[in-house]
Protein backbone atom coordinates (compact mmCIF):
# COMPACT_ATOMS: atom_id res chain seq x y z
CA MET A 1 -0.09 0.09 0.03
CA ARG A 2 3.02 2.19 1.07
CA LYS A 3 4.42 1.81 -2.76
CA VAL A 4 1.56 2.68 -4.38
CA LEU A 5 0.60 5.64 -2.44
CA PHE A 6 4.31 6.78 -2.83
CA THR A 7 4.23 5.96 -6.70
CA GLY A 8 1.07 8.13 -7.22
CA LEU A 9 2.70 11.01 -5.08
CA VAL A 10 5.66 10.85 -7.19
CA LEU A 11 3.49 11.08 -10.52
CA LEU A 12 1.43 13.83 -8.99
CA THR A 13 4.68 15.85 -8.32
CA LEU A 14 5.95 15.15 -11.73
CA LEU A 15 2.55 16.44 -13.36
CA ALA A 16 2.83 19.67 -11.48
CA LEU A 17 6.15 20.25 -12.27
CA VAL A 18 5.75 19.70 -15.99
CA THR A 19 2.41 21.51 -15.92
CA GLY A 20 2.74 25.04 -17.16
CA THR A 21 -0.06 27.57 -17.62
CA VAL A 22 -3.44 25.64 -17.31
CA SER A 23 -7.10 26.20 -17.54
CA ALA A 24 -9.64 24.74 -15.04
CA ALA A 25 -12.96 23.41 -15.78
CA PRO A 26 -15.78 25.29 -16.22
CA HIS A 27 -18.62 25.64 -13.79
CA ALA A 28 -21.97 27.77 -13.79
CA GLY A 29 -20.52 30.90 -13.79
CA GLY A 30 -18.11 30.77 -16.71
CA LEU A 31 -14.19 29.89 -17.55
CA ILE A 32 -11.20 31.37 -16.18
CA THR A 33 -7.65 30.70 -17.81
CA LEU A 34 -4.77 31.57 -16.42
CA VAL A 35 -2.29 33.02 -19.27
CA GLU A 36 0.56 34.71 -17.84
CA VAL A 37 2.57 34.73 -14.51
CA ARG A 38 5.48 37.38 -13.87
CA ASN A 39 7.49 38.38 -11.36
CA ASP A 40 8.06 42.34 -11.82
CA ASN A 41 10.97 43.87 -10.25
CA GLY A 42 10.23 46.28 -7.60
CA GLY A 43 6.66 45.33 -8.07
CA ASN A 44 4.60 42.12 -7.18
CA VAL A 45 4.12 38.69 -8.16
CA ILE A 46 1.50 39.04 -11.01
CA PHE A 47 -1.20 36.27 -12.31
CA VAL A 48 -3.08 37.39 -15.38
CA PHE A 49 -6.20 35.59 -16.09
CA ARG A 50 -8.82 35.48 -19.04
CA ALA A 51 -12.41 35.09 -17.86
CA SER A 52 -15.55 34.41 -20.04
CA GLY A 53 -19.00 34.23 -18.16
CA GLU A 54 -20.06 36.09 -14.74
CA PHE A 55 -18.00 36.12 -11.73
CA ALA A 56 -19.11 37.97 -8.59
CA LYS A 57 -16.39 40.69 -7.64
CA PRO A 58 -16.37 39.13 -3.92
CA LYS A 59 -15.26 35.95 -5.41
CA LEU A 60 -12.29 37.70 -7.21
CA ASN A 61 -10.01 36.89 -4.31
CA GLY A 62 -8.05 33.73 -3.40
CA THR A 63 -5.14 32.00 -2.19
CA VAL A 64 -1.59 31.10 -3.48
CA GLN A 65 -0.22 27.82 -1.67
CA VAL A 66 3.45 26.69 -2.42
CA GLN A 67 4.20 23.05 -3.16
CA GLY A 68 6.27 21.52 -0.43
CA ALA A 69 5.96 24.20 2.40
CA ASP A 70 3.39 24.98 4.50
CA ALA A 71 2.81 28.47 3.35
CA ASN A 72 -0.18 30.06 2.05
CA TYR A 73 -0.71 33.89 0.71
CA GLY A 74 -3.18 36.07 -0.16
CA LEU A 75 -4.45 36.68 -3.83
CA HIS A 76 -5.73 40.27 -4.64
CA CYS A 77 -7.63 40.57 -7.88
CA SER A 78 -9.23 43.20 -9.73
CA LEU A 79 -11.12 43.30 -13.26
CA VAL A 80 -8.85 45.35 -15.66
CA SER A 81 -11.17 44.97 -18.60
CA ASP A 82 -14.50 42.84 -19.37
CA ASP A 83 -12.20 39.62 -19.68
CA THR A 84 -9.30 39.96 -17.95
CA ILE A 85 -8.54 39.42 -14.20
CA GLN A 86 -5.15 40.80 -12.76
CA CYS A 87 -4.22 39.13 -9.46
CA THR A 88 -1.12 39.92 -7.00
CA THR A 89 0.30 37.95 -4.10
CA SER A 90 3.37 38.07 -2.19
CA ARG A 91 6.75 38.17 -3.61
CA LYS A 92 7.83 35.11 -1.43
CA THR A 93 6.19 33.00 -3.96
CA ALA A 94 9.01 33.89 -6.32
CA GLY A 95 11.06 30.92 -7.59
CA THR A 96 8.22 28.27 -6.23
CA HIS A 97 5.74 26.16 -7.73
CA VAL A 98 2.14 27.01 -6.65
CA VAL A 99 -0.96 26.19 -6.39
CA VAL A 100 -3.67 28.92 -7.36
CA TYR A 101 -7.38 29.18 -5.95
CA LEU A 102 -9.45 31.45 -7.59
CA ALA A 103 -13.40 31.74 -7.68
CA GLY A 104 -13.58 27.80 -7.19
CA PHE A 105 -10.66 27.32 -10.16
CA ILE A 106 -7.62 25.46 -9.23
CA PHE A 107 -4.50 26.39 -11.22
CA TRP A 108 -1.04 24.76 -10.86
CA THR A 109 1.90 26.92 -12.19
CA TYR A 110 5.43 28.19 -11.29
CA VAL A 111 6.37 31.63 -10.27
CA PRO A 112 9.57 32.87 -11.89
CA ALA A 113 12.40 34.13 -9.55
CA SER A 114 13.01 38.18 -10.42
CA SER A 115 14.15 38.43 -13.78
CA GLY A 116 17.44 40.91 -13.10
CA PRO A 117 17.84 44.41 -11.85
CA THR A 118 15.61 46.32 -14.20
CA GLU A 119 12.35 46.05 -16.05
CA TYR A 120 10.52 48.31 -17.91
CA CYS A 121 6.54 48.24 -18.09
CA TYR A 122 4.36 50.23 -20.26
CA ASN A 123 0.63 50.39 -20.26
CA VAL A 124 -1.29 48.97 -23.70
CA TYR A 125 -3.77 51.22 -24.83
CA ASP A 126 -7.06 50.34 -27.13
CA LEU A 127 -9.42 52.83 -28.64
CA PHE A 128 -12.76 52.48 -26.80
CA ILE A 129 -15.60 54.03 -29.13
CA ASN A 130 -18.95 54.74 -27.52
CA SER A 131 -21.22 55.25 -30.52
CA GLN A 132 -24.45 55.82 -28.57
CA GLU A 133 -22.32 58.70 -26.65
CA GLU A 134 -20.51 59.62 -29.50
CA GLU A 135 -17.30 59.46 -27.72
CA ALA A 136 -14.38 57.69 -27.79
CA TYR A 137 -11.19 57.65 -25.79
CA TRP A 138 -7.93 55.71 -24.69
CA LEU A 139 -8.42 53.03 -22.31
CA VAL A 140 -5.73 51.03 -20.59
CA SER A 141 -6.30 47.18 -21.63
CA ASP A 142 -3.04 45.58 -20.18
CA VAL A 143 0.37 46.18 -19.01
CA HIS A 144 3.41 44.89 -20.81
CA CYS A 145 6.85 44.56 -19.16
CA GLN A 146 10.11 43.78 -21.03
CA ASP A 147 13.88 43.86 -20.18
CA THR A 148 14.84 46.78 -22.50
CA PRO A 149 13.19 50.33 -22.73
CA ALA A 150 10.97 50.80 -25.66
CA SER A 151 11.40 53.12 -28.54
CA GLU A 152 9.10 54.90 -30.69
CA GLY A 153 7.83 52.62 -33.43
CA ASP A 154 8.63 49.50 -31.45
CA GLN A 155 5.98 46.95 -32.44
CA LEU A 156 4.26 44.55 -29.76
CA THR A 157 1.66 41.71 -30.72
CA MET A 158 -0.94 40.67 -28.16
CA GLY A 159 -3.44 37.88 -29.58
CA GLU A 160 -4.46 39.26 -32.86
CA SER A 161 -3.84 42.80 -32.11
CA THR A 162 -0.61 44.67 -33.08
CA TYR A 163 0.38 47.94 -30.92
CA GLY A 164 2.75 50.43 -31.64
CA PHE A 165 5.01 52.02 -28.81
CA TRP A 166 4.87 56.15 -29.30
CA ASN A 167 5.34 58.88 -26.71
CA GLU A 168 2.15 60.05 -27.08
CA SER A 169 -1.08 58.45 -28.50
CA PRO A 170 -2.08 58.64 -32.00
CA THR A 171 -4.99 61.29 -32.55
CA CYS A 172 -7.58 58.87 -33.82
CA TRP A 173 -10.01 61.82 -33.92
CA VAL A 174 -9.85 61.90 -30.22
CA ASP A 175 -7.61 64.25 -27.80
CA PRO A 176 -4.21 62.46 -27.35
CA LEU A 177 -2.72 61.04 -24.29
CA MET A 178 0.52 62.79 -23.70
CA ILE A 179 1.81 59.24 -22.05
CA ALA A 180 4.32 56.82 -23.33
CA GLY A 181 2.88 53.34 -23.97
CA TYR A 182 1.81 50.43 -26.49
CA TYR A 183 -1.14 52.10 -28.94
CA ALA A 184 -3.65 50.37 -31.35
CA GLN A 185 -4.18 51.16 -34.34
CA CYS A 186 -6.36 53.96 -35.38
CA PRO A 187 -9.43 52.36 -37.15
CA MET A 188 -10.02 53.27 -40.71
């Protein structure tokens, strides 16, 4: 019996070690998928999730458990767009395998150790157009971090969208933002 239990534990550990980003099974409220784990220098350990369906705001906090240790940390989350949830947790999880519990979903992943002394993070902007109110404005849809500073004209591809780095936003018939970041192309 001990041999079977030990073998099962070893197989489960190996599965956890080779499993990267995973999505959890759907439930009545929708589906949450873990899409990114990063350890921002001078910042936080950040988990980025994509969500579909409805999730109550009180359910958007969870816990992070370090595997192989008796350590649990809070997971503090917020909706950054209609389908993106961004969560932060303790930097003590850096360089460890963790189990993340969020809104009834469970994820196994690795939190990278700090990636070096400097990291450059920029907002990613999409043009939000509200035709009913006849208004348009730039809206932060994500944050992108990289190892080197961005230069005017640099390109970033996220999903099916391409963004350009500019020291201020394109006009796109709206008042420009005087903030450096990655901006979506103006629609035709």
